[in-house]
Amino acid sequence: MAAIRQVEPELHYVKPTPHVPNSILPIIVYRSVLDDTLPENILKTIEPQKWIKGGQWKAYPVPHFHSICHECYGVIQGENTYSLGKGPRDTDDCGIKLKVQKGDVFVFPAGVSHASIDSKGEYEYVGLYPERNERSEDGEAFDMHYCDATPDETKKLAARCAQTPVPDLDPLYGRDGPLPRIWKDALVQASSS
């Protein structure tokens, strides 16, 4: 396992829009947590926590989300600004911008849209998904949705996203890491309000 720093995660929330379910669960960001960002060492760090490699990619500028899986990125190199929580049919006041760089690890809950809007330094990352990830109706592991559904369809997708289980293990710190606790607390708080 590669060396990782103990860091307090940042939490970012995005509200639903007519075209993007987003999530009551926060986006979790671990800043500069990886000392060694070689792809194989990112995998040696995160895969033992039951988050499995889905691919290795560069900037992807198309807003999209996944309704059946959460998604973890480990940044190999460069930096990128993401537009989160907003689709192409949404107004400009929706969503947030998130800047990440080499050594950061961050996790999108199911339903949160994401798109690269500014990339520098040969931005590249490894994408990982919880091991018990379901498959979509057509067999895909990360069912792609492009934020263009009607409001009624988006509500159905939001219900599907809400059924995606909270992982048992934090992608970096395992069973005692903050992600499961933070997300389970968010679910309890949402159900009591």
Protein backbone atom coordinates (compact mmCIF):
# COMPACT_ATOMS: atom_id res chain seq x y z
CA MET A 1 0.00 0.00 0.00
CA ALA A 2 1.31 3.48 -0.88
CA ALA A 3 1.76 6.04 1.88
CA ILE A 4 -1.28 8.16 2.59
CA ARG A 5 -1.68 11.10 4.89
CA GLN A 6 -4.38 11.34 7.54
CA VAL A 7 -6.54 14.26 6.42
CA GLU A 8 -9.96 15.55 7.38
CA PRO A 9 -12.20 15.36 4.32
CA GLU A 10 -13.95 18.34 2.79
CA LEU A 11 -17.69 17.91 2.31
CA HIS A 12 -19.61 19.51 -0.56
CA TYR A 13 -23.36 19.35 -1.08
CA VAL A 14 -25.35 19.89 -4.28
CA LYS A 15 -29.11 20.22 -4.49
CA PRO A 16 -31.24 18.33 -7.01
CA THR A 17 -32.22 20.03 -10.25
CA PRO A 18 -35.02 19.18 -12.70
CA HIS A 19 -32.48 17.18 -14.75
CA VAL A 20 -29.97 15.89 -12.17
CA PRO A 21 -30.88 13.87 -9.05
CA ASN A 22 -27.70 14.78 -7.15
CA SER A 23 -27.72 13.43 -3.59
CA ILE A 24 -28.36 14.14 0.06
CA LEU A 25 -24.95 12.53 0.59
CA PRO A 26 -22.01 14.94 0.38
CA ILE A 27 -19.20 14.78 -2.13
CA ILE A 28 -16.11 13.85 -0.10
CA VAL A 29 -12.68 15.29 -0.95
CA TYR A 30 -9.36 14.24 0.58
CA ARG A 31 -6.80 16.92 -0.36
CA SER A 32 -3.18 15.96 -1.11
CA VAL A 33 -3.69 12.61 0.60
CA LEU A 34 -1.56 10.52 -1.79
CA ASP A 35 2.23 10.88 -1.70
CA ASP A 36 2.73 8.41 -4.55
CA THR A 37 0.39 8.89 -7.48
CA LEU A 38 1.59 6.17 -9.82
CA PRO A 39 -1.60 4.43 -11.01
CA GLU A 40 -0.52 1.03 -9.69
CA ASN A 41 0.16 2.54 -6.25
CA ILE A 42 -3.20 4.31 -6.15
CA LEU A 43 -4.76 0.90 -6.83
CA LYS A 44 -2.65 -0.74 -4.10
CA THR A 45 -4.01 1.87 -1.69
CA ILE A 46 -7.70 1.90 -2.64
CA GLU A 47 -8.52 -1.57 -3.98
CA PRO A 48 -7.87 -3.33 -0.62
CA GLN A 49 -10.76 -1.20 0.69
CA LYS A 50 -13.08 -3.00 -1.77
CA TRP A 51 -13.16 -0.12 -4.29
CA ILE A 52 -12.30 -1.67 -7.67
CA LYS A 53 -10.73 -0.02 -10.72
CA GLY A 54 -13.18 0.90 -13.45
CA GLY A 55 -10.68 2.67 -15.67
CA GLN A 56 -8.01 5.30 -16.09
CA TRP A 57 -9.07 8.48 -17.85
CA LYS A 58 -8.28 12.05 -18.72
CA ALA A 59 -10.64 15.04 -18.59
CA TYR A 60 -14.21 14.21 -19.70
CA PRO A 61 -16.17 17.40 -20.48
CA VAL A 62 -19.65 15.86 -20.82
CA PRO A 63 -21.98 16.31 -17.80
CA HIS A 64 -23.14 12.89 -16.64
CA PHE A 65 -23.99 10.86 -13.55
CA HIS A 66 -24.43 7.25 -12.50
CA SER A 67 -27.59 6.04 -10.79
CA ILE A 68 -26.38 2.65 -9.51
CA CYS A 69 -22.88 3.37 -8.23
CA HIS A 70 -20.76 5.76 -6.25
CA GLU A 71 -17.49 6.80 -7.86
CA CYS A 72 -14.03 7.47 -6.41
CA TYR A 73 -11.26 9.27 -8.30
CA GLY A 74 -7.55 9.23 -7.43
CA VAL A 75 -5.69 11.99 -9.27
CA ILE A 76 -2.52 10.74 -10.96
CA GLN A 77 -1.31 14.05 -12.40
CA GLY A 78 -2.32 17.58 -13.33
CA GLU A 79 -5.28 19.55 -12.09
CA ASN A 80 -8.90 19.91 -13.11
CA THR A 81 -11.97 21.95 -12.31
CA TYR A 82 -15.24 20.05 -12.27
CA SER A 83 -18.75 21.38 -12.65
CA LEU A 84 -20.77 19.31 -10.17
CA GLY A 85 -24.52 18.94 -9.76
CA LYS A 86 -25.50 20.68 -12.98
CA GLY A 87 -26.58 19.49 -16.40
CA PRO A 88 -26.64 21.34 -19.72
CA ARG A 89 -30.36 22.17 -19.35
CA ASP A 90 -30.00 23.62 -15.84
CA THR A 91 -29.63 27.30 -15.01
CA ASP A 92 -26.25 28.82 -14.17
CA ASP A 93 -27.07 29.10 -10.47
CA CYS A 94 -27.13 25.30 -10.07
CA GLY A 95 -24.27 23.19 -8.80
CA ILE A 96 -20.76 24.00 -7.66
CA LYS A 97 -17.24 24.04 -9.07
CA LEU A 98 -14.57 21.81 -7.53
CA LYS A 99 -10.86 22.13 -8.28
CA VAL A 100 -8.69 19.04 -7.72
CA GLN A 101 -5.03 18.23 -8.30
CA LYS A 102 -2.39 15.51 -8.20
CA GLY A 103 -2.60 13.54 -4.96
CA ASP A 104 -6.28 14.31 -4.25
CA VAL A 105 -8.90 11.58 -3.83
CA PHE A 106 -12.61 12.38 -4.04
CA VAL A 107 -15.89 10.50 -4.08
CA PHE A 108 -19.15 11.32 -5.87
CA PRO A 109 -22.32 9.75 -4.48
CA ALA A 110 -24.63 8.09 -7.01
CA GLY A 111 -26.65 10.74 -8.85
CA VAL A 112 -24.18 13.63 -8.65
CA SER A 113 -23.40 14.98 -12.10
CA HIS A 114 -19.82 15.79 -12.98
CA ALA A 115 -18.00 17.25 -15.98
CA SER A 116 -14.48 18.55 -16.52
CA ILE A 117 -14.55 22.25 -17.41
CA ASP A 118 -10.86 23.22 -17.14
CA SER A 119 -7.92 20.86 -17.19
CA LYS A 120 -4.17 21.53 -16.87
CA GLY A 121 -0.95 19.57 -16.68
CA GLU A 122 -2.03 16.43 -18.53
CA TYR A 123 -4.83 15.77 -16.02
CA GLU A 124 -5.39 12.04 -15.46
CA TYR A 125 -7.09 9.94 -12.80
CA VAL A 126 -8.04 6.40 -11.82
CA GLY A 127 -11.78 5.76 -11.34
CA LEU A 128 -12.84 3.18 -8.76
CA TYR A 129 -16.23 1.78 -7.74
CA PRO A 130 -17.48 -0.10 -4.67
CA GLU A 131 -16.99 -3.84 -5.12
CA ARG A 132 -20.65 -4.73 -4.61
CA ASN A 133 -21.69 -2.38 -7.38
CA GLU A 134 -24.83 -3.54 -9.19
CA ARG A 135 -25.15 -3.65 -12.92
CA SER A 136 -27.63 -1.61 -14.88
CA GLU A 137 -30.48 -3.21 -16.80
CA ASP A 138 -28.27 -3.36 -19.90
CA GLY A 139 -25.35 -4.92 -18.00
CA GLU A 140 -23.22 -1.79 -17.71
CA ALA A 141 -21.32 -1.30 -14.44
CA PHE A 142 -21.65 2.49 -14.42
CA ASP A 143 -24.92 3.30 -16.20
CA MET A 144 -24.34 6.68 -17.87
CA HIS A 145 -27.00 9.39 -17.71
CA TYR A 146 -26.41 12.69 -19.51
CA CYS A 147 -28.53 15.06 -17.41
CA ASP A 148 -31.19 15.45 -20.08
CA ALA A 149 -34.11 13.55 -18.53
CA THR A 150 -37.49 15.13 -17.90
CA PRO A 151 -38.27 16.17 -14.32
CA ASP A 152 -40.46 13.05 -13.88
CA GLU A 153 -37.73 10.77 -15.21
CA THR A 154 -35.20 12.52 -12.96
CA LYS A 155 -37.38 11.78 -9.90
CA LYS A 156 -37.37 8.08 -10.85
CA LEU A 157 -33.60 8.16 -11.27
CA ALA A 158 -33.27 9.90 -7.88
CA ALA A 159 -35.18 7.04 -6.25
CA ARG A 160 -32.84 4.58 -7.93
CA CYS A 161 -29.78 6.54 -6.73
CA ALA A 162 -31.13 6.53 -3.18
CA GLN A 163 -31.13 2.71 -3.27
CA THR A 164 -27.37 2.57 -3.90
CA PRO A 165 -25.88 1.19 -0.66
CA VAL A 166 -23.39 3.13 1.42
CA PRO A 167 -20.05 1.33 1.12
CA ASP A 168 -18.82 -0.44 4.25
CA LEU A 169 -15.28 0.85 3.72
CA ASP A 170 -13.80 4.29 3.17
CA PRO A 171 -11.68 4.15 -0.03
CA LEU A 172 -8.54 5.24 1.85
CA TYR A 173 -8.93 4.41 5.53
CA GLY A 174 -11.13 1.33 5.44
CA ARG A 175 -13.72 0.43 8.07
CA ASP A 176 -12.70 3.20 10.48
CA GLY A 177 -12.55 5.88 7.78
CA PRO A 178 -14.98 8.79 7.64
CA LEU A 179 -16.99 8.07 4.47
CA PRO A 180 -19.37 5.38 5.81
CA ARG A 181 -20.04 7.36 8.99
CA ILE A 182 -20.57 10.68 7.18
CA TRP A 183 -22.92 9.17 4.61
CA LYS A 184 -24.90 7.11 7.14
CA ASP A 185 -25.26 10.22 9.34
CA ALA A 186 -26.53 12.17 6.30
CA LEU A 187 -29.15 9.48 5.65
CA VAL A 188 -30.32 9.52 9.28
CA GLN A 189 -30.52 13.31 9.30
CA ALA A 190 -32.49 13.35 6.04
CA SER A 191 -34.95 10.73 7.30
CA SER A 192 -35.60 12.66 10.51
CA SER A 193 -36.33 15.98 8.80
